[in-house]
Amino acid sequence: MSSSRDGPSSDEDDPDSSRTSSDLRSGGAATDGGEREQGSGPLALVRRFRRSDNEVVVFVREMLSSAGIVLAIGLLLFAVSGVWPPMVAIESGSMEPQMQKGDLVFIMDEGRLVPDAAQAGTGIVTYKAGQQSGYKSFNSYGDVIIYKPDGRDYETPIIHRARFWVEEGENWYDEADKRYIDAENCQQLTNCPAPNAGFITKGDANSFYDQAAWGGSALSDPVKPSWVRGTAEVRIPWLGWVRLQFSGAAYVAPTSVSTTSLSTTPLVAPGVAAVSTA
């Protein structure tokens, strides 16, 4: 009579039988001594990437983590400001002493939190209106705005203070502060009478209005509200220098009259644009 021991060997005698049916169903992902996961499924690869102590993998993992944090902060700032990118790095000195080269500035859509003194149909307070109402931004009257010269997308945007508003066809030479005009009458200016309604702007450290600079020439016609990207809200000293290194603007700017403007070069981090000297 044959014994049951003479029959086929049970699974208990086979070392390979330690892989359970659940392991097989999961694509062969098992552990070796509880230390190393086997298998090549997507989840197993992700787990190995997260747990690996390989120097290259650790470096890539830290870089991705940092980029994710920066992106999350950028998206949060965008939700608050309504403008992308919500931060700009200052590259020149035309807004000194209010803004210094290397500063990081948070900007906001001008349509949010509109002040009572804002120009009708806009969210922007001019220097003249600020004088009357007491409204100040960056230690002086009126808003500092970011705008595209003549509305051209390919032009470098400029960040300067809105000085006063003019209507289309207005002889704004008579309304302007003559200290900031290199002309003796309206006819000597390239855009007077005003070709369109808009803001007359100027860098705080500049000698002339943007619309009347350098012998009657102009950086822009009066700034239409549709050309404005936003208003400057908060300045953070020095944090823009990293961005300037990537944009190639981290050099000593000339001491001549300059404009503080926003470059359209790629971003060093999500939500941060550079600022260049025109």
Protein backbone atom coordinates (compact mmCIF):
# COMPACT_ATOMS: atom_id res chain seq x y z
CA MET A 1 0.00 0.00 0.00
CA SER A 2 1.40 3.28 -0.98
CA SER A 3 1.79 6.08 1.50
CA SER A 4 0.57 9.62 0.96
CA ARG A 5 4.22 10.60 1.27
CA ASP A 6 4.89 8.78 -2.00
CA GLY A 7 2.49 11.06 -3.90
CA PRO A 8 3.24 14.38 -5.55
CA SER A 9 5.06 16.93 -3.37
CA SER A 10 2.89 19.60 -1.76
CA ASP A 11 3.39 23.33 -2.28
CA GLU A 12 4.99 23.50 1.13
CA ASP A 13 8.03 21.62 -0.21
CA ASP A 14 8.53 24.15 -3.05
CA PRO A 15 10.47 27.33 -2.05
CA ASP A 16 8.96 29.19 -4.97
CA SER A 17 5.50 28.67 -3.56
CA SER A 18 6.18 31.51 -1.08
CA ARG A 19 4.90 33.84 -3.79
CA THR A 20 1.23 33.96 -3.00
CA SER A 21 -1.56 34.22 -5.48
CA SER A 22 -2.06 37.83 -4.45
CA ASP A 23 1.58 38.52 -5.42
CA LEU A 24 0.97 37.02 -8.83
CA ARG A 25 -2.18 39.03 -9.34
CA SER A 26 -0.31 42.26 -8.46
CA GLY A 27 2.12 41.75 -11.33
CA GLY A 28 4.84 39.90 -9.45
CA ALA A 29 5.69 42.64 -6.96
CA ALA A 30 7.19 40.88 -3.96
CA THR A 31 9.77 41.71 -1.36
CA ASP A 32 13.17 40.18 -0.83
CA GLY A 33 13.66 39.86 2.92
CA GLY A 34 11.35 42.82 3.44
CA GLU A 35 13.99 45.21 2.04
CA ARG A 36 13.89 45.32 -1.75
CA GLU A 37 10.78 45.38 -3.87
CA GLN A 38 10.73 43.33 -7.04
CA GLY A 39 8.66 43.86 -10.16
CA SER A 40 8.51 46.47 -12.88
CA GLY A 41 4.98 47.80 -12.68
CA PRO A 42 4.40 51.58 -12.59
CA LEU A 43 3.61 51.61 -8.87
CA ALA A 44 6.71 49.58 -8.08
CA LEU A 45 8.87 51.98 -10.09
CA VAL A 46 7.40 54.97 -8.25
CA ARG A 47 8.02 53.32 -4.89
CA ARG A 48 11.62 52.55 -5.79
CA PHE A 49 12.12 56.16 -6.98
CA ARG A 50 10.76 57.53 -3.71
CA ARG A 51 12.84 55.22 -1.52
CA SER A 52 16.11 55.07 -3.46
CA ASP A 53 19.25 56.45 -1.82
CA ASN A 54 21.13 56.73 -5.12
CA GLU A 55 22.72 60.20 -5.28
CA VAL A 56 21.40 60.99 -8.76
CA VAL A 57 17.89 59.87 -7.88
CA VAL A 58 17.97 61.84 -4.62
CA PHE A 59 19.09 64.98 -6.51
CA VAL A 60 16.33 64.63 -9.13
CA ARG A 61 13.78 63.93 -6.39
CA GLU A 62 14.77 67.07 -4.46
CA MET A 63 14.69 69.21 -7.61
CA LEU A 64 11.21 68.01 -8.52
CA SER A 65 10.03 68.61 -4.97
CA SER A 66 11.41 72.17 -4.95
CA ALA A 67 9.91 72.93 -8.37
CA GLY A 68 6.55 71.65 -7.17
CA ILE A 69 6.64 73.93 -4.12
CA VAL A 70 7.59 76.96 -6.25
CA LEU A 71 4.83 76.15 -8.75
CA ALA A 72 2.28 75.83 -5.94
CA ILE A 73 3.33 79.23 -4.55
CA GLY A 74 3.14 80.76 -8.04
CA LEU A 75 -0.36 79.41 -8.59
CA LEU A 76 -1.46 80.71 -5.19
CA LEU A 77 -0.11 84.17 -6.01
CA PHE A 78 -1.84 84.04 -9.38
CA ALA A 79 -5.13 83.24 -7.66
CA VAL A 80 -4.67 86.33 -5.48
CA SER A 81 -3.33 88.71 -8.15
CA GLY A 82 -5.18 87.62 -11.28
CA VAL A 83 -1.96 88.29 -13.27
CA TRP A 84 0.58 85.85 -14.71
CA PRO A 85 3.39 86.08 -13.91
CA PRO A 86 2.42 87.62 -10.56
CA MET A 87 5.98 88.67 -9.69
CA VAL A 88 8.64 90.67 -11.55
CA ALA A 89 12.35 91.26 -10.91
CA ILE A 90 13.62 94.84 -11.20
CA GLU A 91 16.59 95.26 -13.55
CA SER A 92 17.23 99.02 -13.56
CA GLY A 93 17.09 102.15 -11.44
CA SER A 94 14.39 104.28 -13.06
CA MET A 95 12.04 103.74 -10.11
CA GLU A 96 14.61 104.49 -7.41
CA PRO A 97 14.47 104.97 -4.51
CA GLN A 98 11.12 103.19 -4.38
CA MET A 99 12.37 100.12 -6.28
CA GLN A 100 15.97 98.97 -6.52
CA LYS A 101 17.66 96.71 -9.03
CA GLY A 102 17.31 93.11 -7.84
CA ASP A 103 14.03 93.69 -6.02
CA LEU A 104 11.13 91.29 -6.51
CA VAL A 105 7.74 93.01 -6.95
CA PHE A 106 4.30 91.44 -6.58
CA ILE A 107 1.76 92.81 -9.08
CA MET A 108 -2.03 92.65 -9.17
CA ASP A 109 -4.76 93.08 -11.75
CA GLU A 110 -5.79 96.74 -11.57
CA GLY A 111 -9.45 95.74 -11.55
CA ARG A 112 -9.19 94.15 -8.10
CA LEU A 113 -9.72 96.24 -4.95
CA VAL A 114 -10.33 99.43 -6.95
CA PRO A 115 -9.64 102.58 -4.85
CA ASP A 116 -12.26 105.32 -4.72
CA ALA A 117 -9.82 107.78 -6.30
CA ALA A 118 -9.24 105.60 -9.39
CA GLN A 119 -9.67 107.09 -12.84
CA ALA A 120 -13.19 106.40 -14.12
CA GLY A 121 -13.38 103.15 -16.07
CA THR A 122 -10.07 101.91 -14.63
CA GLY A 123 -8.65 100.68 -11.34
CA ILE A 124 -5.70 103.07 -11.44
CA VAL A 125 -5.09 106.17 -9.31
CA THR A 126 -2.91 108.83 -10.94
CA TYR A 127 -0.33 110.96 -9.16
CA LYS A 128 -2.58 114.03 -9.45
CA ALA A 129 -5.63 112.19 -8.11
CA GLY A 130 -3.49 110.76 -5.32
CA GLN A 131 -2.42 114.25 -4.28
CA GLN A 132 -6.07 115.27 -3.92
CA SER A 133 -7.21 112.12 -2.11
CA GLY A 134 -4.06 111.26 -0.14
CA TYR A 135 -3.71 107.90 -1.93
CA LYS A 136 -0.10 106.66 -2.00
CA SER A 137 1.78 103.68 -3.42
CA PHE A 138 5.49 103.04 -2.92
CA ASN A 139 5.99 106.20 -0.89
CA SER A 140 4.52 108.57 -3.45
CA TYR A 141 1.13 109.56 -4.86
CA GLY A 142 -0.66 107.37 -7.39
CA ASP A 143 -0.22 103.81 -8.67
CA VAL A 144 2.85 102.23 -10.23
CA ILE A 145 1.64 100.37 -13.31
CA ILE A 146 3.05 97.75 -15.66
CA TYR A 147 2.15 98.45 -19.29
CA LYS A 148 2.95 97.42 -22.85
CA PRO A 149 4.29 100.42 -24.85
CA ASP A 150 1.70 101.31 -27.50
CA GLY A 151 0.01 97.98 -26.71
CA ARG A 152 2.61 95.95 -28.62
CA ASP A 153 2.99 92.43 -27.22
CA TYR A 154 6.50 92.04 -28.67
CA GLU A 155 7.74 95.20 -26.92
CA THR A 156 9.28 94.98 -23.45
CA PRO A 157 6.64 96.08 -20.90
CA ILE A 158 7.49 99.03 -18.63
CA ILE A 159 6.83 99.58 -14.92
CA HIS A 160 6.40 103.32 -14.10
CA ARG A 161 4.06 105.58 -12.14
CA ALA A 162 0.82 106.88 -13.65
CA ARG A 163 1.10 110.68 -13.43
CA PHE A 164 -2.15 112.03 -14.91
CA TRP A 165 -4.95 111.20 -17.36
CA VAL A 166 -5.50 112.84 -20.75
CA GLU A 167 -8.42 112.67 -23.16
CA GLU A 168 -8.08 112.03 -26.88
CA GLY A 169 -7.19 115.23 -28.72
CA GLU A 170 -6.20 117.03 -25.50
CA ASN A 171 -3.29 119.48 -25.44
CA TRP A 172 -1.71 117.79 -22.45
CA TYR A 173 1.43 119.95 -22.63
CA ASP A 174 -0.51 122.67 -20.80
CA GLU A 175 -1.48 120.22 -18.03
CA ALA A 176 1.98 118.67 -17.59
CA ASP A 177 4.72 119.64 -15.16
CA LYS A 178 7.17 121.46 -17.46
CA ARG A 179 10.14 120.10 -15.51
CA TYR A 180 9.46 116.70 -17.11
CA ILE A 181 9.09 117.83 -20.74
CA ASP A 182 11.96 118.58 -23.11
CA ALA A 183 9.83 120.81 -25.36
CA GLU A 184 8.50 124.35 -25.45
CA ASN A 185 5.00 123.64 -26.75
CA CYS A 186 2.60 120.89 -27.73
CA GLN A 187 3.72 120.90 -31.36
CA GLN A 188 7.26 119.87 -30.39
CA LEU A 189 5.98 116.63 -28.86
CA THR A 190 5.44 113.59 -31.05
CA ASN A 191 2.09 112.71 -29.45
CA CYS A 192 0.49 116.05 -28.61
CA PRO A 193 -2.41 116.63 -28.93
CA ALA A 194 -3.02 113.18 -27.44
CA PRO A 195 -3.70 110.56 -30.16
CA ASN A 196 -5.79 108.60 -27.66
CA ALA A 197 -7.11 108.80 -24.11
CA GLY A 198 -4.77 107.33 -21.52
CA PHE A 199 -2.20 107.80 -18.77
CA ILE A 200 0.92 109.94 -18.91
CA THR A 201 3.60 107.97 -17.06
CA LYS A 202 7.10 108.49 -15.63
CA GLY A 203 9.77 106.61 -13.72
CA ASP A 204 10.29 108.21 -10.32
CA ALA A 205 14.02 108.64 -10.99
CA ASN A 206 13.65 109.74 -14.62
CA SER A 207 13.87 113.32 -15.84
CA PHE A 208 11.04 113.12 -18.40
CA TYR A 209 7.61 111.64 -18.92
CA ASP A 210 7.61 108.44 -20.98
CA GLN A 211 5.48 110.32 -23.51
CA ALA A 212 7.88 113.29 -23.74
CA ALA A 213 11.38 111.92 -23.28
CA TRP A 214 14.64 112.83 -24.93
CA GLY A 215 14.01 115.81 -27.18
CA GLY A 216 10.29 115.25 -27.73
CA SER A 217 10.48 111.57 -28.61
CA ALA A 218 8.39 109.07 -26.68
CA LEU A 219 8.57 105.57 -25.27
CA SER A 220 4.82 105.27 -25.74
CA ASP A 221 1.67 107.19 -26.54
CA PRO A 222 -0.62 107.88 -23.56
CA VAL A 223 -1.14 104.47 -21.96
CA LYS A 224 -4.57 103.03 -22.73
CA PRO A 225 -6.15 101.01 -19.89
CA SER A 226 -6.12 97.95 -22.17
CA TRP A 227 -2.31 98.16 -22.34
CA VAL A 228 -1.94 97.88 -18.56
CA ARG A 229 -0.97 94.47 -17.16
CA GLY A 230 -1.41 95.41 -13.52
CA THR A 231 -0.31 97.55 -10.61
CA ALA A 232 2.74 97.03 -8.40
CA GLU A 233 1.74 96.15 -4.84
CA VAL A 234 4.60 94.76 -2.71
CA ARG A 235 8.39 95.02 -3.01
CA ILE A 236 10.70 92.30 -1.65
CA PRO A 237 14.36 93.45 -1.63
CA TRP A 238 17.08 91.39 -3.34
CA LEU A 239 15.06 88.27 -4.18
CA GLY A 240 15.02 89.16 -7.87
CA TRP A 241 18.79 88.73 -8.35
CA VAL A 242 18.50 85.02 -9.11
CA ARG A 243 16.05 85.81 -11.90
CA LEU A 244 18.38 88.47 -13.28
CA GLN A 245 21.24 85.98 -13.50
CA PHE A 246 19.14 83.82 -15.84
CA SER A 247 17.92 86.76 -17.93
CA GLY A 248 21.47 88.06 -18.43
CA ALA A 249 20.65 91.39 -16.76
CA ALA A 250 22.80 91.04 -13.64
CA TYR A 251 25.27 93.76 -14.58
CA VAL A 252 25.91 97.31 -13.44
CA ALA A 253 23.45 99.50 -15.34
CA PRO A 254 24.66 102.77 -16.90
CA THR A 255 23.95 105.93 -14.92
CA SER A 256 22.05 107.58 -17.80
CA VAL A 257 18.26 107.84 -17.87
CA SER A 258 16.71 104.39 -17.97
CA THR A 259 13.32 102.72 -17.86
CA THR A 260 12.36 99.86 -15.62
CA SER A 261 10.67 97.29 -17.82
CA LEU A 262 9.58 93.66 -17.82
CA SER A 263 11.41 91.28 -20.12
CA THR A 264 9.66 88.50 -22.00
CA THR A 265 12.54 86.03 -21.58
CA PRO A 266 11.81 82.53 -20.15
CA LEU A 267 11.16 82.26 -16.42
CA VAL A 268 13.72 80.93 -13.95
CA ALA A 269 10.84 79.82 -11.73
CA PRO A 270 7.09 79.63 -12.28
CA GLY A 271 5.47 83.01 -11.81
CA VAL A 272 8.59 85.23 -11.91
CA ALA A 273 9.40 87.53 -14.85
CA ALA A 274 12.54 89.61 -15.25
CA VAL A 275 12.89 93.37 -15.59
CA SER A 276 15.35 95.00 -18.00
CA THR A 277 16.82 98.39 -18.82
CA ALA A 278 15.47 99.97 -22.01
